[in-house]
Amino acid sequence: MSKRTEYLNPNEQIAFFFKRSGYLDDYHGDLKNLKLGHVSYDESVNEEFDYKLTANSTHDGTLLFEIQTIEEALIKLINRKTYCPNTFPVDKKIEELKDISYVVGDIELVNDFYRVKQKTAVSIPVVCNYVF
């Protein structure tokens, strides 16, 4: 058994997700310049974060499964479908929430290699900002 850990830039992975999904067929700019308004990157979040988004899969080692595991975690940010209950203001109700934005750190991609299987684990450190 061996293990490989990589750190990926979330902005590049989000751009790759949109490109792979066909949303950027008419986009001719540099994918590295593509940004989402509600997701920003800050390396300091790697050290201080509210929580980590995670996704896991076990597969045969095909690269597509690694990509799908990364996208499984990212889609929660893209669709604004995640928040941290521990940092949500106690004097507010979720129904009062108008918007949410995220500051994220590097995507940690860990692959454990077994005989004929590979386990992929993705984690993304996240800080939530709530707008009421």
N, C-alpha and C. Protein backbone atom coordinates (compact mmCIF):
# COMPACT_ATOMS: atom_id res chain seq x y z
N MET A 1 0.84 -1.17 0.00
CA MET A 1 0.00 0.00 0.00
C MET A 1 0.89 1.24 0.00
N SER A 2 0.55 2.21 -0.84
CA SER A 2 1.27 3.47 -0.85
C SER A 2 0.27 4.62 -0.89
N LYS A 3 0.73 5.79 -0.52
CA LYS A 3 -0.14 6.95 -0.43
C LYS A 3 0.49 8.13 -1.16
N ARG A 4 -0.34 8.89 -1.88
CA ARG A 4 0.12 10.09 -2.57
C ARG A 4 -0.81 11.25 -2.22
N THR A 5 -0.25 12.38 -1.78
CA THR A 5 -1.02 13.55 -1.43
C THR A 5 -0.65 14.69 -2.37
N GLU A 6 -1.67 15.34 -2.91
CA GLU A 6 -1.47 16.50 -3.78
C GLU A 6 -2.33 17.65 -3.26
N TYR A 7 -1.91 18.87 -3.55
CA TYR A 7 -2.68 20.06 -3.20
C TYR A 7 -3.01 20.81 -4.48
N LEU A 8 -4.30 21.08 -4.67
CA LEU A 8 -4.78 21.66 -5.92
C LEU A 8 -5.40 23.03 -5.66
N ASN A 9 -5.28 23.92 -6.64
CA ASN A 9 -5.88 25.24 -6.56
C ASN A 9 -7.38 25.12 -6.83
N PRO A 10 -8.23 25.57 -5.92
CA PRO A 10 -9.67 25.41 -6.13
C PRO A 10 -10.21 26.20 -7.31
N ASN A 11 -9.65 27.39 -7.59
CA ASN A 11 -10.13 28.18 -8.73
C ASN A 11 -9.92 27.42 -10.04
N GLU A 12 -8.77 26.79 -10.18
CA GLU A 12 -8.49 26.02 -11.40
C GLU A 12 -9.41 24.81 -11.50
N GLN A 13 -9.70 24.17 -10.39
CA GLN A 13 -10.57 22.99 -10.41
C GLN A 13 -12.02 23.37 -10.71
N ILE A 14 -12.48 24.52 -10.21
CA ILE A 14 -13.84 24.99 -10.51
C ILE A 14 -13.94 25.31 -12.00
N ALA A 15 -12.93 26.00 -12.55
CA ALA A 15 -12.93 26.32 -13.98
C ALA A 15 -12.94 25.03 -14.81
N PHE A 16 -12.13 24.05 -14.39
CA PHE A 16 -12.08 22.77 -15.10
C PHE A 16 -13.45 22.08 -15.05
N PHE A 17 -14.15 22.15 -13.91
CA PHE A 17 -15.48 21.56 -13.77
C PHE A 17 -16.44 22.18 -14.79
N PHE A 18 -16.45 23.52 -14.87
CA PHE A 18 -17.36 24.18 -15.81
C PHE A 18 -17.00 23.85 -17.26
N LYS A 19 -15.73 23.81 -17.57
CA LYS A 19 -15.28 23.49 -18.92
C LYS A 19 -15.68 22.05 -19.28
N ARG A 20 -15.43 21.12 -18.37
CA ARG A 20 -15.74 19.71 -18.62
C ARG A 20 -17.24 19.48 -18.74
N SER A 21 -18.03 20.30 -18.04
CA SER A 21 -19.48 20.15 -18.06
C SER A 21 -20.12 20.80 -19.28
N GLY A 22 -19.32 21.52 -20.09
CA GLY A 22 -19.85 22.13 -21.30
C GLY A 22 -20.36 23.55 -21.12
N TYR A 23 -20.22 24.10 -19.92
CA TYR A 23 -20.74 25.45 -19.66
C TYR A 23 -19.87 26.54 -20.28
N LEU A 24 -18.65 26.23 -20.64
CA LEU A 24 -17.73 27.25 -21.14
C LEU A 24 -17.36 27.04 -22.60
N ASP A 25 -18.24 26.42 -23.36
CA ASP A 25 -17.92 26.16 -24.76
C ASP A 25 -17.65 27.44 -25.53
N ASP A 26 -18.31 28.54 -25.16
CA ASP A 26 -18.12 29.82 -25.85
C ASP A 26 -17.10 30.71 -25.16
N TYR A 27 -16.50 30.25 -24.08
CA TYR A 27 -15.52 31.05 -23.34
C TYR A 27 -14.14 30.83 -23.94
N HIS A 28 -13.49 31.91 -24.35
CA HIS A 28 -12.19 31.79 -25.01
C HIS A 28 -11.06 32.41 -24.20
N GLY A 29 -11.35 32.81 -22.97
CA GLY A 29 -10.31 33.38 -22.12
C GLY A 29 -9.51 32.29 -21.43
N ASP A 30 -8.56 32.70 -20.62
CA ASP A 30 -7.74 31.78 -19.85
C ASP A 30 -8.57 31.26 -18.68
N LEU A 31 -8.67 29.96 -18.54
CA LEU A 31 -9.47 29.38 -17.46
C LEU A 31 -8.98 29.80 -16.08
N LYS A 32 -7.69 30.13 -15.95
CA LYS A 32 -7.17 30.55 -14.66
C LYS A 32 -7.76 31.88 -14.20
N ASN A 33 -8.33 32.65 -15.13
CA ASN A 33 -8.92 33.94 -14.79
C ASN A 33 -10.40 33.83 -14.44
N LEU A 34 -10.98 32.65 -14.61
CA LEU A 34 -12.39 32.45 -14.31
C LEU A 34 -12.59 32.37 -12.80
N LYS A 35 -13.52 33.16 -12.27
CA LYS A 35 -13.79 33.17 -10.82
C LYS A 35 -15.30 33.15 -10.59
N LEU A 36 -15.71 32.55 -9.51
CA LEU A 36 -17.10 32.63 -9.06
C LEU A 36 -17.21 33.76 -8.05
N GLY A 37 -18.28 34.51 -8.11
CA GLY A 37 -18.45 35.65 -7.20
C GLY A 37 -18.57 35.26 -5.75
N HIS A 38 -19.07 34.07 -5.46
CA HIS A 38 -19.31 33.67 -4.07
C HIS A 38 -18.26 32.70 -3.53
N VAL A 39 -17.24 32.38 -4.33
CA VAL A 39 -16.15 31.51 -3.87
C VAL A 39 -14.83 32.20 -4.16
N SER A 40 -14.05 32.41 -3.11
CA SER A 40 -12.72 33.00 -3.30
C SER A 40 -11.67 32.12 -2.63
N TYR A 41 -10.44 32.31 -3.04
CA TYR A 41 -9.34 31.49 -2.55
C TYR A 41 -8.42 32.34 -1.68
N ASP A 42 -8.03 31.77 -0.54
CA ASP A 42 -7.05 32.41 0.34
C ASP A 42 -6.25 31.29 1.00
N GLU A 43 -4.96 31.31 0.76
CA GLU A 43 -4.08 30.27 1.28
C GLU A 43 -4.11 30.18 2.81
N SER A 44 -4.39 31.29 3.50
CA SER A 44 -4.40 31.27 4.97
C SER A 44 -5.53 30.42 5.53
N VAL A 45 -6.55 30.13 4.72
CA VAL A 45 -7.66 29.28 5.16
C VAL A 45 -7.19 27.85 5.39
N ASN A 46 -6.05 27.48 4.81
CA ASN A 46 -5.50 26.15 5.06
C ASN A 46 -5.21 25.94 6.54
N GLU A 47 -4.91 27.02 7.25
CA GLU A 47 -4.56 26.94 8.68
C GLU A 47 -5.76 27.21 9.59
N GLU A 48 -6.59 28.19 9.23
CA GLU A 48 -7.75 28.55 10.06
C GLU A 48 -9.02 28.49 9.22
N PHE A 49 -9.87 27.54 9.53
CA PHE A 49 -11.09 27.33 8.76
C PHE A 49 -12.24 26.99 9.68
N ASP A 50 -13.47 27.15 9.16
CA ASP A 50 -14.67 26.80 9.93
C ASP A 50 -14.91 25.30 9.91
N TYR A 51 -14.74 24.69 8.76
CA TYR A 51 -14.95 23.25 8.61
C TYR A 51 -14.30 22.80 7.31
N LYS A 52 -14.32 21.50 7.07
CA LYS A 52 -13.78 20.94 5.83
C LYS A 52 -14.89 20.20 5.09
N LEU A 53 -15.00 20.50 3.81
CA LEU A 53 -15.84 19.72 2.93
C LEU A 53 -15.07 18.48 2.53
N THR A 54 -15.71 17.34 2.52
CA THR A 54 -15.01 16.10 2.17
C THR A 54 -15.81 15.28 1.16
N ALA A 55 -15.10 14.46 0.43
CA ALA A 55 -15.70 13.48 -0.47
C ALA A 55 -14.72 12.32 -0.59
N ASN A 56 -15.24 11.12 -0.72
CA ASN A 56 -14.41 9.91 -0.80
C ASN A 56 -14.95 8.97 -1.86
N SER A 57 -14.05 8.19 -2.44
CA SER A 57 -14.48 7.12 -3.34
C SER A 57 -13.43 6.02 -3.38
N THR A 58 -13.88 4.83 -3.69
CA THR A 58 -12.98 3.70 -3.91
C THR A 58 -13.24 3.24 -5.33
N HIS A 59 -12.16 3.04 -6.08
CA HIS A 59 -12.31 2.76 -7.51
C HIS A 59 -11.11 1.98 -8.03
N ASP A 60 -11.09 1.78 -9.34
CA ASP A 60 -10.04 0.96 -9.97
C ASP A 60 -8.80 1.74 -10.38
N GLY A 61 -8.75 3.04 -10.05
CA GLY A 61 -7.57 3.84 -10.38
C GLY A 61 -7.74 4.71 -11.61
N THR A 62 -8.90 4.66 -12.23
CA THR A 62 -9.17 5.49 -13.40
C THR A 62 -9.22 6.96 -12.98
N LEU A 63 -8.53 7.81 -13.72
CA LEU A 63 -8.44 9.23 -13.40
C LEU A 63 -9.81 9.90 -13.31
N LEU A 64 -10.75 9.46 -14.12
CA LEU A 64 -12.09 10.03 -14.11
C LEU A 64 -12.72 9.96 -12.72
N PHE A 65 -12.46 8.89 -11.98
CA PHE A 65 -13.05 8.76 -10.64
C PHE A 65 -12.44 9.77 -9.66
N GLU A 66 -11.16 10.08 -9.82
CA GLU A 66 -10.54 11.12 -9.01
C GLU A 66 -11.20 12.46 -9.29
N ILE A 67 -11.40 12.77 -10.57
CA ILE A 67 -12.02 14.03 -10.97
C ILE A 67 -13.44 14.13 -10.41
N GLN A 68 -14.20 13.05 -10.50
CA GLN A 68 -15.56 13.05 -9.99
C GLN A 68 -15.61 13.25 -8.48
N THR A 69 -14.63 12.73 -7.76
CA THR A 69 -14.58 12.91 -6.31
C THR A 69 -14.30 14.37 -5.96
N ILE A 70 -13.39 15.00 -6.70
CA ILE A 70 -13.13 16.43 -6.50
C ILE A 70 -14.40 17.24 -6.77
N GLU A 71 -15.07 16.92 -7.86
CA GLU A 71 -16.27 17.65 -8.24
C GLU A 71 -17.41 17.44 -7.25
N GLU A 72 -17.48 16.27 -6.64
CA GLU A 72 -18.50 16.01 -5.63
C GLU A 72 -18.39 16.99 -4.47
N ALA A 73 -17.18 17.32 -4.07
CA ALA A 73 -16.98 18.31 -3.01
C ALA A 73 -17.23 19.72 -3.52
N LEU A 74 -16.72 20.05 -4.72
CA LEU A 74 -16.86 21.40 -5.25
C LEU A 74 -18.29 21.80 -5.54
N ILE A 75 -19.11 20.86 -5.97
CA ILE A 75 -20.49 21.18 -6.37
C ILE A 75 -21.28 21.76 -5.19
N LYS A 76 -20.94 21.37 -3.98
CA LYS A 76 -21.61 21.93 -2.80
C LYS A 76 -21.30 23.42 -2.65
N LEU A 77 -20.09 23.81 -2.99
CA LEU A 77 -19.72 25.24 -2.96
C LEU A 77 -20.34 25.98 -4.13
N ILE A 78 -20.25 25.40 -5.30
CA ILE A 78 -20.77 26.04 -6.50
C ILE A 78 -22.26 26.34 -6.36
N ASN A 79 -23.01 25.40 -5.80
CA ASN A 79 -24.46 25.53 -5.65
C ASN A 79 -24.90 26.15 -4.32
N ARG A 80 -23.93 26.59 -3.52
CA ARG A 80 -24.23 27.20 -2.21
C ARG A 80 -25.07 26.26 -1.34
N LYS A 81 -24.68 25.00 -1.28
CA LYS A 81 -25.44 23.98 -0.55
C LYS A 81 -24.73 23.52 0.71
N THR A 82 -23.84 24.32 1.27
CA THR A 82 -23.15 23.93 2.48
C THR A 82 -22.95 25.14 3.38
N TYR A 83 -22.97 24.90 4.67
CA TYR A 83 -22.67 25.93 5.64
C TYR A 83 -22.21 25.25 6.91
N CYS A 84 -21.70 26.04 7.84
CA CYS A 84 -21.20 25.49 9.09
C CYS A 84 -22.16 25.84 10.23
N PRO A 85 -22.89 24.88 10.77
CA PRO A 85 -23.82 25.18 11.86
C PRO A 85 -23.13 25.80 13.09
N ASN A 86 -21.86 25.47 13.29
CA ASN A 86 -21.14 26.00 14.46
C ASN A 86 -20.85 27.49 14.35
N THR A 87 -20.83 28.04 13.14
CA THR A 87 -20.55 29.47 12.97
C THR A 87 -21.79 30.26 12.57
N PHE A 88 -22.91 29.58 12.41
CA PHE A 88 -24.15 30.30 12.06
C PHE A 88 -24.62 31.08 13.28
N PRO A 89 -24.94 32.37 13.11
CA PRO A 89 -25.34 33.19 14.27
C PRO A 89 -26.55 32.62 14.98
N VAL A 90 -26.46 32.50 16.30
CA VAL A 90 -27.54 31.89 17.09
C VAL A 90 -28.80 32.76 17.11
N ASP A 91 -28.66 34.05 16.87
CA ASP A 91 -29.81 34.94 16.90
C ASP A 91 -30.52 35.05 15.54
N LYS A 92 -30.11 34.25 14.57
CA LYS A 92 -30.69 34.28 13.23
C LYS A 92 -31.30 32.93 12.88
N LYS A 93 -32.25 32.96 11.95
CA LYS A 93 -32.85 31.74 11.43
C LYS A 93 -32.35 31.52 10.01
N ILE A 94 -32.26 30.28 9.61
CA ILE A 94 -31.76 29.94 8.28
C ILE A 94 -32.64 30.58 7.20
N GLU A 95 -33.93 30.76 7.48
CA GLU A 95 -34.85 31.36 6.52
C GLU A 95 -34.52 32.84 6.27
N GLU A 96 -33.80 33.48 7.19
CA GLU A 96 -33.42 34.88 7.04
C GLU A 96 -32.18 35.06 6.17
N LEU A 97 -31.51 33.99 5.87
CA LEU A 97 -30.27 34.04 5.09
C LEU A 97 -30.56 34.47 3.65
N LYS A 98 -29.90 35.56 3.21
CA LYS A 98 -30.09 36.06 1.85
C LYS A 98 -29.02 35.52 0.90
N ASP A 99 -27.83 35.35 1.42
CA ASP A 99 -26.73 34.88 0.57
C ASP A 99 -25.64 34.28 1.44
N ILE A 100 -24.77 33.54 0.81
CA ILE A 100 -23.63 32.95 1.51
C ILE A 100 -22.44 32.98 0.55
N SER A 101 -21.29 33.26 1.09
CA SER A 101 -20.07 33.20 0.28
C SER A 101 -19.04 32.38 1.04
N TYR A 102 -18.05 31.91 0.31
CA TYR A 102 -17.05 31.02 0.88
C TYR A 102 -15.66 31.52 0.56
N VAL A 103 -14.78 31.36 1.52
CA VAL A 103 -13.35 31.52 1.29
C VAL A 103 -12.76 30.13 1.52
N VAL A 104 -12.03 29.64 0.54
CA VAL A 104 -11.53 28.27 0.62
C VAL A 104 -10.02 28.24 0.50
N GLY A 105 -9.44 27.19 1.04
CA GLY A 105 -8.01 26.94 0.91
C GLY A 105 -7.75 25.93 -0.19
N ASP A 106 -6.58 25.35 -0.17
CA ASP A 106 -6.20 24.35 -1.17
C ASP A 106 -7.02 23.08 -1.03
N ILE A 107 -7.29 22.45 -2.15
CA ILE A 107 -7.94 21.14 -2.16
C ILE A 107 -6.87 20.10 -1.87
N GLU A 108 -7.10 19.31 -0.84
CA GLU A 108 -6.18 18.21 -0.53
C GLU A 108 -6.73 16.94 -1.17
N LEU A 109 -5.93 16.34 -2.03
CA LEU A 109 -6.30 15.11 -2.73
C LEU A 109 -5.36 14.01 -2.26
N VAL A 110 -5.91 13.01 -1.58
CA VAL A 110 -5.11 11.91 -1.05
C VAL A 110 -5.55 10.63 -1.74
N ASN A 111 -4.60 9.92 -2.32
CA ASN A 111 -4.88 8.64 -2.96
C ASN A 111 -4.11 7.55 -2.23
N ASP A 112 -4.84 6.55 -1.76
CA ASP A 112 -4.25 5.35 -1.17
C ASP A 112 -4.36 4.24 -2.22
N PHE A 113 -3.23 3.63 -2.51
CA PHE A 113 -3.20 2.59 -3.53
C PHE A 113 -3.09 1.22 -2.86
N TYR A 114 -4.03 0.34 -3.20
CA TYR A 114 -4.03 -1.03 -2.73
C TYR A 114 -3.72 -1.92 -3.93
N ARG A 115 -3.87 -3.21 -3.78
CA ARG A 115 -3.55 -4.14 -4.88
C ARG A 115 -4.24 -3.77 -6.18
N VAL A 116 -5.55 -3.84 -6.19
CA VAL A 116 -6.29 -3.53 -7.41
C VAL A 116 -7.29 -2.39 -7.20
N LYS A 117 -7.19 -1.72 -6.08
CA LYS A 117 -8.12 -0.64 -5.77
C LYS A 117 -7.35 0.63 -5.41
N GLN A 118 -8.06 1.72 -5.52
CA GLN A 118 -7.52 3.01 -5.12
C GLN A 118 -8.60 3.73 -4.33
N LYS A 119 -8.22 4.31 -3.20
CA LYS A 119 -9.16 5.10 -2.41
C LYS A 119 -8.75 6.56 -2.56
N THR A 120 -9.71 7.39 -2.98
CA THR A 120 -9.46 8.82 -3.16
C THR A 120 -10.24 9.58 -2.10
N ALA A 121 -9.55 10.47 -1.40
CA ALA A 121 -10.19 11.33 -0.39
C ALA A 121 -9.86 12.78 -0.72
N VAL A 122 -10.89 13.61 -0.72
CA VAL A 122 -10.75 15.03 -1.01
C VAL A 122 -11.23 15.81 0.21
N SER A 123 -10.47 16.85 0.59
CA SER A 123 -10.95 17.74 1.64
C SER A 123 -10.61 19.18 1.25
N ILE A 124 -11.55 20.08 1.55
CA ILE A 124 -11.40 21.49 1.22
C ILE A 124 -11.70 22.30 2.48
N PRO A 125 -10.73 23.05 3.00
CA PRO A 125 -11.01 23.91 4.16
C PRO A 125 -11.86 25.10 3.72
N VAL A 126 -12.87 25.43 4.55
CA VAL A 126 -13.85 26.45 4.17
C VAL A 126 -14.11 27.42 5.32
N VAL A 127 -14.24 28.70 4.99
CA VAL A 127 -14.75 29.72 5.90
C VAL A 127 -16.02 30.27 5.26
N CYS A 128 -17.12 30.32 6.02
CA CYS A 128 -18.40 30.82 5.52
C CYS A 128 -18.60 32.26 5.92
N ASN A 129 -19.19 33.03 5.01
CA ASN A 129 -19.62 34.40 5.30
C ASN A 129 -21.10 34.48 4.99
N TYR A 130 -21.89 34.89 5.97
CA TYR A 130 -23.35 34.93 5.85
C TYR A 130 -23.83 36.35 5.60
N VAL A 131 -24.82 36.49 4.72
CA VAL A 131 -25.44 37.79 4.44
C VAL A 131 -26.91 37.68 4.80
N PHE A 132 -27.35 38.54 5.73
CA PHE A 132 -28.77 38.54 6.16
C PHE A 132 -29.48 39.77 5.68
